[in-house]
Amino acid sequence: MKPIIGLSPLYDPEKRGLWMRPGYLDVLYACGAIPLVLPFDSDAVDVKQMLSICDGLILTGGADVDPRLYGEEPIEQCGELQPIRDELEYRLLDKALEEDMPLLGICRGSQILNVYLGGTLYQDLSTQLPGTFNHAMEPPFESLCHKVTLEKGEPLHKFMGEDELPVNSVHHQAIRRVAPELVPLARSFDGVVEGTWMPGKRFVWGVQWHPEWLWDVDERQKRIVQHFVDVCKE
């Protein structure tokens, strides 16, 4: 039986509709999983039932996380906010963490995991961390932009067997204060946290880059998603 992986949907405010980038679906199919795009239904009972048919959860990239969730007012450089996504993903995190469901957060997904667990974000790196590398690369996003250093002894370093990993970079927000229950997995050369994990859980990882754009360009990116899928099979 193939594992079913729930995906938090992307939101189109003009059409008031959900959508999904095909890369998320493609990499999951390639790793032997069945992707399932979830609806915008934040009712706690409904969310529990939705996740009951899933073996794992991916929190996808997208719009900025509302700074009010970590006690700040949005600055001018903060991007588009989508409360409908924040609410849904908070409810998904409620149930996924309670049930110890394998979870992979990608870009925004990594950020909202950190905020949910009590961490904070840079609303805009160039404004709030002057001198940092420009993390918002130009297309094509299927190319490698910079390297991250894997934290020695942590799960991603052990799994990859390498000290560095080349990644793409499509974000202007990033983790500022790491949540108390999370541990860094990777950092960019300018010190920005690029990955975290949650000890004591089967699999709760967050990565700031986008493996769904790189999986057929760099085999190491597919390995990360494959590892997640394999845990979901257990």
C-alpha atoms as a PDB file:
ATOM      1  CA  MET A   1       0.000   0.000   0.000  1.00  0.00           C
ATOM      2  CA  LYS A   2       1.266   3.439  -0.906  1.00  0.00           C
ATOM      3  CA  PRO A   3       1.202   6.039   1.873  1.00  0.00           C
ATOM      4  CA  ILE A   4      -1.202   8.958   1.452  1.00  0.00           C
ATOM      5  CA  ILE A   5       0.391  12.345   2.084  1.00  0.00           C
ATOM      6  CA  GLY A   6      -1.846  15.306   2.874  1.00  0.00           C
ATOM      7  CA  LEU A   7      -0.754  18.675   1.470  1.00  0.00           C
ATOM      8  CA  SER A   8      -1.840  22.037   2.844  1.00  0.00           C
ATOM      9  CA  PRO A   9      -3.279  23.942  -0.146  1.00  0.00           C
ATOM     10  CA  LEU A  10      -2.055  27.185  -1.648  1.00  0.00           C
ATOM     11  CA  TYR A  11      -4.609  29.997  -1.742  1.00  0.00           C
ATOM     12  CA  ASP A  12      -5.536  32.265  -4.660  1.00  0.00           C
ATOM     13  CA  PRO A  13      -7.192  35.344  -3.077  1.00  0.00           C
ATOM     14  CA  GLU A  14      -8.463  36.705  -6.422  1.00  0.00           C
ATOM     15  CA  LYS A  15     -10.307  33.508  -7.287  1.00  0.00           C
ATOM     16  CA  ARG A  16     -10.908  32.594  -3.637  1.00  0.00           C
ATOM     17  CA  GLY A  17      -9.726  29.125  -4.559  1.00  0.00           C
ATOM     18  CA  LEU A  18      -7.098  26.582  -3.677  1.00  0.00           C
ATOM     19  CA  TRP A  19      -4.325  25.379  -5.957  1.00  0.00           C
ATOM     20  CA  MET A  20      -1.136  23.354  -5.833  1.00  0.00           C
ATOM     21  CA  ARG A  21       2.288  23.520  -7.522  1.00  0.00           C
ATOM     22  CA  PRO A  22       2.810  20.319  -9.520  1.00  0.00           C
ATOM     23  CA  GLY A  23       6.308  19.789  -8.089  1.00  0.00           C
ATOM     24  CA  TYR A  24       4.861  18.715  -4.744  1.00  0.00           C
ATOM     25  CA  LEU A  25       2.722  16.105  -6.473  1.00  0.00           C
ATOM     26  CA  ASP A  26       5.480  14.963  -8.832  1.00  0.00           C
ATOM     27  CA  VAL A  27       8.073  14.320  -6.147  1.00  0.00           C
ATOM     28  CA  LEU A  28       5.599  12.411  -3.980  1.00  0.00           C
ATOM     29  CA  TYR A  29       4.568  10.220  -6.902  1.00  0.00           C
ATOM     30  CA  ALA A  30       8.258   9.637  -7.679  1.00  0.00           C
ATOM     31  CA  CYS A  31       8.850   8.582  -4.068  1.00  0.00           C
ATOM     32  CA  GLY A  32       5.997   6.071  -4.116  1.00  0.00           C
ATOM     33  CA  ALA A  33       3.332   8.083  -2.301  1.00  0.00           C
ATOM     34  CA  ILE A  34      -0.135   9.353  -3.160  1.00  0.00           C
ATOM     35  CA  PRO A  35      -0.531  13.126  -2.675  1.00  0.00           C
ATOM     36  CA  LEU A  36      -3.835  14.455  -1.380  1.00  0.00           C
ATOM     37  CA  VAL A  37      -4.469  18.209  -1.512  1.00  0.00           C
ATOM     38  CA  LEU A  38      -6.529  19.131   1.550  1.00  0.00           C
ATOM     39  CA  PRO A  39      -9.458  21.592   1.531  1.00  0.00           C
ATOM     40  CA  PHE A  40      -9.731  24.863   3.450  1.00  0.00           C
ATOM     41  CA  ASP A  41     -11.697  23.354   6.303  1.00  0.00           C
ATOM     42  CA  SER A  42     -10.437  24.379   9.732  1.00  0.00           C
ATOM     43  CA  ASP A  43     -13.128  22.684  11.811  1.00  0.00           C
ATOM     44  CA  ALA A  44     -11.256  20.608  14.397  1.00  0.00           C
ATOM     45  CA  VAL A  45     -13.487  17.551  13.961  1.00  0.00           C
ATOM     46  CA  ASP A  46     -13.194  17.723  10.175  1.00  0.00           C
ATOM     47  CA  VAL A  47      -9.425  18.148  10.328  1.00  0.00           C
ATOM     48  CA  LYS A  48      -9.122  15.086  12.542  1.00  0.00           C
ATOM     49  CA  GLN A  49     -11.147  13.055  10.044  1.00  0.00           C
ATOM     50  CA  MET A  50      -9.154  14.395   7.080  1.00  0.00           C
ATOM     51  CA  LEU A  51      -5.860  13.439   8.680  1.00  0.00           C
ATOM     52  CA  SER A  52      -7.201  10.022   9.666  1.00  0.00           C
ATOM     53  CA  ILE A  53      -6.870   8.940   6.030  1.00  0.00           C
ATOM     54  CA  CYS A  54      -3.360  10.366   5.707  1.00  0.00           C
ATOM     55  CA  ASP A  55      -0.063   8.747   6.652  1.00  0.00           C
ATOM     56  CA  GLY A  56       1.899  11.998   6.614  1.00  0.00           C
ATOM     57  CA  LEU A  57       1.537  15.740   6.155  1.00  0.00           C
ATOM     58  CA  ILE A  58       3.432  18.337   4.139  1.00  0.00           C
ATOM     59  CA  LEU A  59       2.988  22.010   4.979  1.00  0.00           C
ATOM     60  CA  THR A  60       3.741  23.757   1.696  1.00  0.00           C
ATOM     61  CA  GLY A  61       5.302  27.095   0.754  1.00  0.00           C
ATOM     62  CA  GLY A  62       3.377  30.246  -0.044  1.00  0.00           C
ATOM     63  CA  ALA A  63       2.350  33.570   1.466  1.00  0.00           C
ATOM     64  CA  ASP A  64       3.899  35.115   4.573  1.00  0.00           C
ATOM     65  CA  VAL A  65       2.897  33.965   8.045  1.00  0.00           C
ATOM     66  CA  ASP A  66       0.954  36.658   9.908  1.00  0.00           C
ATOM     67  CA  PRO A  67       3.389  38.345  12.353  1.00  0.00           C
ATOM     68  CA  ARG A  68       0.565  38.800  14.844  1.00  0.00           C
ATOM     69  CA  LEU A  69       0.832  35.061  15.485  1.00  0.00           C
ATOM     70  CA  TYR A  70       4.214  35.727  17.119  1.00  0.00           C
ATOM     71  CA  GLY A  71       3.268  38.986  18.788  1.00  0.00           C
ATOM     72  CA  GLU A  72       4.364  41.555  16.182  1.00  0.00           C
ATOM     73  CA  GLU A  73       2.589  43.977  13.915  1.00  0.00           C
ATOM     74  CA  PRO A  74       3.362  43.627  10.184  1.00  0.00           C
ATOM     75  CA  ILE A  75       6.063  45.947   8.913  1.00  0.00           C
ATOM     76  CA  GLU A  76       5.837  47.619   5.507  1.00  0.00           C
ATOM     77  CA  GLN A  77       8.090  45.004   3.916  1.00  0.00           C
ATOM     78  CA  CYS A  78       5.968  42.094   5.093  1.00  0.00           C
ATOM     79  CA  GLY A  79       4.302  40.344   2.163  1.00  0.00           C
ATOM     80  CA  GLU A  80       0.789  39.098   1.492  1.00  0.00           C
ATOM     81  CA  LEU A  81      -0.945  37.533   4.498  1.00  0.00           C
ATOM     82  CA  GLN A  82      -3.516  34.756   4.232  1.00  0.00           C
ATOM     83  CA  PRO A  83      -5.337  34.139   7.540  1.00  0.00           C
ATOM     84  CA  ILE A  84      -7.274  31.277   5.943  1.00  0.00           C
ATOM     85  CA  ARG A  85      -4.011  29.367   5.547  1.00  0.00           C
ATOM     86  CA  ASP A  86      -2.705  30.246   8.993  1.00  0.00           C
ATOM     87  CA  GLU A  87      -5.886  28.971  10.608  1.00  0.00           C
ATOM     88  CA  LEU A  88      -5.959  25.737   8.623  1.00  0.00           C
ATOM     89  CA  GLU A  89      -2.294  24.952   9.218  1.00  0.00           C
ATOM     90  CA  TYR A  90      -2.591  25.618  12.947  1.00  0.00           C
ATOM     91  CA  ARG A  91      -5.430  23.088  13.121  1.00  0.00           C
ATOM     92  CA  LEU A  92      -3.437  20.611  11.029  1.00  0.00           C
ATOM     93  CA  LEU A  93      -0.485  21.037  13.388  1.00  0.00           C
ATOM     94  CA  ASP A  94      -2.764  20.509  16.400  1.00  0.00           C
ATOM     95  CA  LYS A  95      -3.757  17.068  15.169  1.00  0.00           C
ATOM     96  CA  ALA A  96      -0.574  15.991  13.387  1.00  0.00           C
ATOM     97  CA  LEU A  97       1.631  16.633  16.418  1.00  0.00           C
ATOM     98  CA  GLU A  98      -0.919  15.139  18.786  1.00  0.00           C
ATOM     99  CA  GLU A  99      -1.046  11.949  16.692  1.00  0.00           C
ATOM    100  CA  ASP A 100       2.736  11.896  16.076  1.00  0.00           C
ATOM    101  CA  MET A 101       2.150  11.981  12.323  1.00  0.00           C
ATOM    102  CA  PRO A 102       5.263  12.391  10.140  1.00  0.00           C
ATOM    103  CA  LEU A 103       5.418  16.014   9.027  1.00  0.00           C
ATOM    104  CA  LEU A 104       7.585  17.931   6.567  1.00  0.00           C
ATOM    105  CA  GLY A 105       7.407  21.726   6.450  1.00  0.00           C
ATOM    106  CA  ILE A 106       8.726  23.411   3.303  1.00  0.00           C
ATOM    107  CA  CYS A 107       9.590  27.141   3.255  1.00  0.00           C
ATOM    108  CA  ARG A 108       6.455  28.763   4.727  1.00  0.00           C
ATOM    109  CA  GLY A 109       5.658  25.336   6.191  1.00  0.00           C
ATOM    110  CA  SER A 110       8.919  25.383   8.133  1.00  0.00           C
ATOM    111  CA  GLN A 111       8.207  28.928   9.294  1.00  0.00           C
ATOM    112  CA  ILE A 112       4.664  28.302  10.527  1.00  0.00           C
ATOM    113  CA  LEU A 113       5.827  25.174  12.360  1.00  0.00           C
ATOM    114  CA  ASN A 114       8.354  27.346  14.199  1.00  0.00           C
ATOM    115  CA  VAL A 115       5.752  30.019  14.990  1.00  0.00           C
ATOM    116  CA  TYR A 116       3.177  27.449  16.127  1.00  0.00           C
ATOM    117  CA  LEU A 117       5.704  26.073  18.617  1.00  0.00           C
ATOM    118  CA  GLY A 118       6.575  29.511  20.025  1.00  0.00           C
ATOM    119  CA  GLY A 119       9.332  30.806  17.751  1.00  0.00           C
ATOM    120  CA  THR A 120       9.514  34.026  15.754  1.00  0.00           C
ATOM    121  CA  LEU A 121      10.411  35.091  12.210  1.00  0.00           C
ATOM    122  CA  TYR A 122      12.245  37.829  10.418  1.00  0.00           C
ATOM    123  CA  GLN A 123       9.428  39.545   8.548  1.00  0.00           C
ATOM    124  CA  ASP A 124      11.924  40.677   5.907  1.00  0.00           C
ATOM    125  CA  LEU A 125      15.561  39.593   5.981  1.00  0.00           C
ATOM    126  CA  SER A 126      17.016  42.563   4.114  1.00  0.00           C
ATOM    127  CA  THR A 127      15.265  44.983   6.505  1.00  0.00           C
ATOM    128  CA  GLN A 128      15.709  43.208   9.819  1.00  0.00           C
ATOM    129  CA  LEU A 129      19.033  41.463   9.214  1.00  0.00           C
ATOM    130  CA  PRO A 130      21.056  43.963   7.152  1.00  0.00           C
ATOM    131  CA  GLY A 131      23.995  42.604   5.213  1.00  0.00           C
ATOM    132  CA  THR A 132      22.524  39.147   4.812  1.00  0.00           C
ATOM    133  CA  PHE A 133      22.663  37.258   1.537  1.00  0.00           C
ATOM    134  CA  ASN A 134      19.735  37.858  -0.845  1.00  0.00           C
ATOM    135  CA  HIS A 135      17.654  34.750  -0.206  1.00  0.00           C
ATOM    136  CA  ALA A 136      15.034  35.620  -2.840  1.00  0.00           C
ATOM    137  CA  MET A 137      16.622  34.189  -5.990  1.00  0.00           C
ATOM    138  CA  GLU A 138      15.373  34.860  -9.506  1.00  0.00           C
ATOM    139  CA  PRO A 139      13.856  32.052 -11.622  1.00  0.00           C
ATOM    140  CA  PRO A 140      14.461  29.356 -12.633  1.00  0.00           C
ATOM    141  CA  PHE A 141      13.909  27.952  -9.149  1.00  0.00           C
ATOM    142  CA  GLU A 142      15.072  24.530 -10.333  1.00  0.00           C
ATOM    143  CA  SER A 143      18.657  25.763 -10.004  1.00  0.00           C
ATOM    144  CA  LEU A 144      20.973  25.783  -6.991  1.00  0.00           C
ATOM    145  CA  CYS A 145      21.587  29.130  -5.314  1.00  0.00           C
ATOM    146  CA  HIS A 146      23.813  28.629  -2.266  1.00  0.00           C
ATOM    147  CA  LYS A 147      24.911  25.996   0.221  1.00  0.00           C
ATOM    148  CA  VAL A 148      23.670  25.290   3.713  1.00  0.00           C
ATOM    149  CA  THR A 149      25.837  23.825   6.447  1.00  0.00           C
ATOM    150  CA  LEU A 150      24.276  20.788   8.091  1.00  0.00           C
ATOM    151  CA  GLU A 151      24.425  20.804  11.874  1.00  0.00           C
ATOM    152  CA  LYS A 152      26.807  18.027  12.887  1.00  0.00           C
ATOM    153  CA  GLY A 153      25.225  15.156  14.775  1.00  0.00           C
ATOM    154  CA  GLU A 154      21.675  16.180  13.889  1.00  0.00           C
ATOM    155  CA  PRO A 155      19.396  13.927  11.781  1.00  0.00           C
ATOM    156  CA  LEU A 156      19.865  15.608   8.390  1.00  0.00           C
ATOM    157  CA  HIS A 157      23.658  15.537   8.741  1.00  0.00           C
ATOM    158  CA  LYS A 158      23.590  11.865   9.755  1.00  0.00           C
ATOM    159  CA  PHE A 159      21.196  10.958   6.954  1.00  0.00           C
ATOM    160  CA  MET A 160      22.981  12.825   4.171  1.00  0.00           C
ATOM    161  CA  GLY A 161      26.494  11.944   5.316  1.00  0.00           C
ATOM    162  CA  GLU A 162      27.680  15.360   4.131  1.00  0.00           C
ATOM    163  CA  ASP A 163      28.594  18.621   5.837  1.00  0.00           C
ATOM    164  CA  GLU A 164      27.006  20.880   3.206  1.00  0.00           C
ATOM    165  CA  LEU A 165      24.034  20.772   0.885  1.00  0.00           C
ATOM    166  CA  PRO A 166      23.380  23.023  -2.131  1.00  0.00           C
ATOM    167  CA  VAL A 167      19.859  24.449  -2.171  1.00  0.00           C
ATOM    168  CA  ASN A 168      17.622  26.943  -3.935  1.00  0.00           C
ATOM    169  CA  SER A 169      16.368  30.021  -2.069  1.00  0.00           C
ATOM    170  CA  VAL A 170      12.921  31.538  -2.624  1.00  0.00           C
ATOM    171  CA  HIS A 171      12.088  33.472   0.534  1.00  0.00           C
ATOM    172  CA  HIS A 172      12.410  36.857   2.192  1.00  0.00           C
ATOM    173  CA  GLN A 173      11.250  35.714   5.642  1.00  0.00           C
ATOM    174  CA  ALA A 174      13.089  33.228   7.831  1.00  0.00           C
ATOM    175  CA  ILE A 175      13.277  31.826  11.327  1.00  0.00           C
ATOM    176  CA  ARG A 176      14.512  34.405  13.831  1.00  0.00           C
ATOM    177  CA  ARG A 177      14.122  32.770  17.246  1.00  0.00           C
ATOM    178  CA  VAL A 178      13.969  28.993  17.043  1.00  0.00           C
ATOM    179  CA  ALA A 179      11.014  27.543  18.942  1.00  0.00           C
ATOM    180  CA  PRO A 180      11.933  25.873  22.261  1.00  0.00           C
ATOM    181  CA  GLU A 181      10.869  22.420  21.015  1.00  0.00           C
ATOM    182  CA  LEU A 182      12.839  22.645  17.761  1.00  0.00           C
ATOM    183  CA  VAL A 183      16.542  22.123  17.063  1.00  0.00           C
ATOM    184  CA  PRO A 184      18.380  23.577  14.039  1.00  0.00           C
ATOM    185  CA  LEU A 185      19.222  21.159  11.223  1.00  0.00           C
ATOM    186  CA  ALA A 186      20.978  23.538   8.831  1.00  0.00           C
ATOM    187  CA  ARG A 187      22.152  27.131   8.445  1.00  0.00           C
ATOM    188  CA  SER A 188      23.097  29.238   5.458  1.00  0.00           C
ATOM    189  CA  PHE A 189      26.588  30.767   5.371  1.00  0.00           C
ATOM    190  CA  ASP A 190      25.190  34.066   6.705  1.00  0.00           C
ATOM    191  CA  GLY A 191      23.839  32.327   9.805  1.00  0.00           C
ATOM    192  CA  VAL A 192      20.149  32.142   8.842  1.00  0.00           C
ATOM    193  CA  VAL A 193      18.486  28.968  10.135  1.00  0.00           C
ATOM    194  CA  GLU A 194      17.494  26.894   7.090  1.00  0.00           C
ATOM    195  CA  GLY A 195      16.203  23.719   8.728  1.00  0.00           C
ATOM    196  CA  THR A 196      14.827  22.466  12.043  1.00  0.00           C
ATOM    197  CA  TRP A 197      13.574  19.243  13.581  1.00  0.00           C
ATOM    198  CA  MET A 198      11.533  18.242  16.619  1.00  0.00           C
ATOM    199  CA  PRO A 199      13.145  15.640  18.888  1.00  0.00           C
ATOM    200  CA  GLY A 200      10.869  13.002  20.360  1.00  0.00           C
ATOM    201  CA  LYS A 201       8.674  12.744  17.267  1.00  0.00           C
ATOM    202  CA  ARG A 202       8.765  10.106  14.520  1.00  0.00           C
ATOM    203  CA  PHE A 203       9.571  12.739  11.884  1.00  0.00           C
ATOM    204  CA  VAL A 204       9.004  16.475  12.168  1.00  0.00           C
ATOM    205  CA  TRP A 205      11.394  18.373   9.917  1.00  0.00           C
ATOM    206  CA  GLY A 206      11.250  21.821   8.392  1.00  0.00           C
ATOM    207  CA  VAL A 207      13.417  23.031   5.499  1.00  0.00           C
ATOM    208  CA  GLN A 208      13.560  26.595   4.214  1.00  0.00           C
ATOM    209  CA  TRP A 209      14.395  25.623   0.627  1.00  0.00           C
ATOM    210  CA  HIS A 210      12.191  23.898  -1.965  1.00  0.00           C
ATOM    211  CA  PRO A 211      13.099  20.256  -2.680  1.00  0.00           C
ATOM    212  CA  GLU A 212       9.956  19.924  -4.827  1.00  0.00           C
ATOM    213  CA  TRP A 213      11.686  22.147  -7.419  1.00  0.00           C
ATOM    214  CA  LEU A 214      15.032  20.359  -7.160  1.00  0.00           C
ATOM    215  CA  TRP A 215      14.270  16.660  -6.770  1.00  0.00           C
ATOM    216  CA  ASP A 216      14.919  15.758 -10.412  1.00  0.00           C
ATOM    217  CA  VAL A 217      17.948  18.096 -10.607  1.00  0.00           C
ATOM    218  CA  ASP A 218      19.790  16.996  -7.461  1.00  0.00           C
ATOM    219  CA  GLU A 219      19.280  13.443  -6.204  1.00  0.00           C
ATOM    220  CA  ARG A 220      20.001  14.547  -2.639  1.00  0.00           C
ATOM    221  CA  GLN A 221      16.810  16.603  -2.576  1.00  0.00           C
ATOM    222  CA  LYS A 222      14.746  13.622  -3.621  1.00  0.00           C
ATOM    223  CA  ARG A 223      16.407  11.590  -0.873  1.00  0.00           C
ATOM    224  CA  ILE A 224      15.043  13.978   1.750  1.00  0.00           C
ATOM    225  CA  VAL A 225      11.473  13.560   0.518  1.00  0.00           C
ATOM    226  CA  GLN A 226      11.987   9.813   0.064  1.00  0.00           C
ATOM    227  CA  HIS A 227      13.154   9.545   3.677  1.00  0.00           C
ATOM    228  CA  PHE A 228       9.984  11.330   4.805  1.00  0.00           C
ATOM    229  CA  VAL A 229       7.805   9.024   2.655  1.00  0.00           C
ATOM    230  CA  ASP A 230       9.585   5.941   3.987  1.00  0.00           C
ATOM    231  CA  VAL A 231       8.819   6.986   7.572  1.00  0.00           C
ATOM    232  CA  CYS A 232       5.184   7.474   6.538  1.00  0.00           C
ATOM    233  CA  LYS A 233       5.113   3.853   5.341  1.00  0.00           C
ATOM    234  CA  GLU A 234       6.094   2.494   8.735  1.00  0.00           C
END
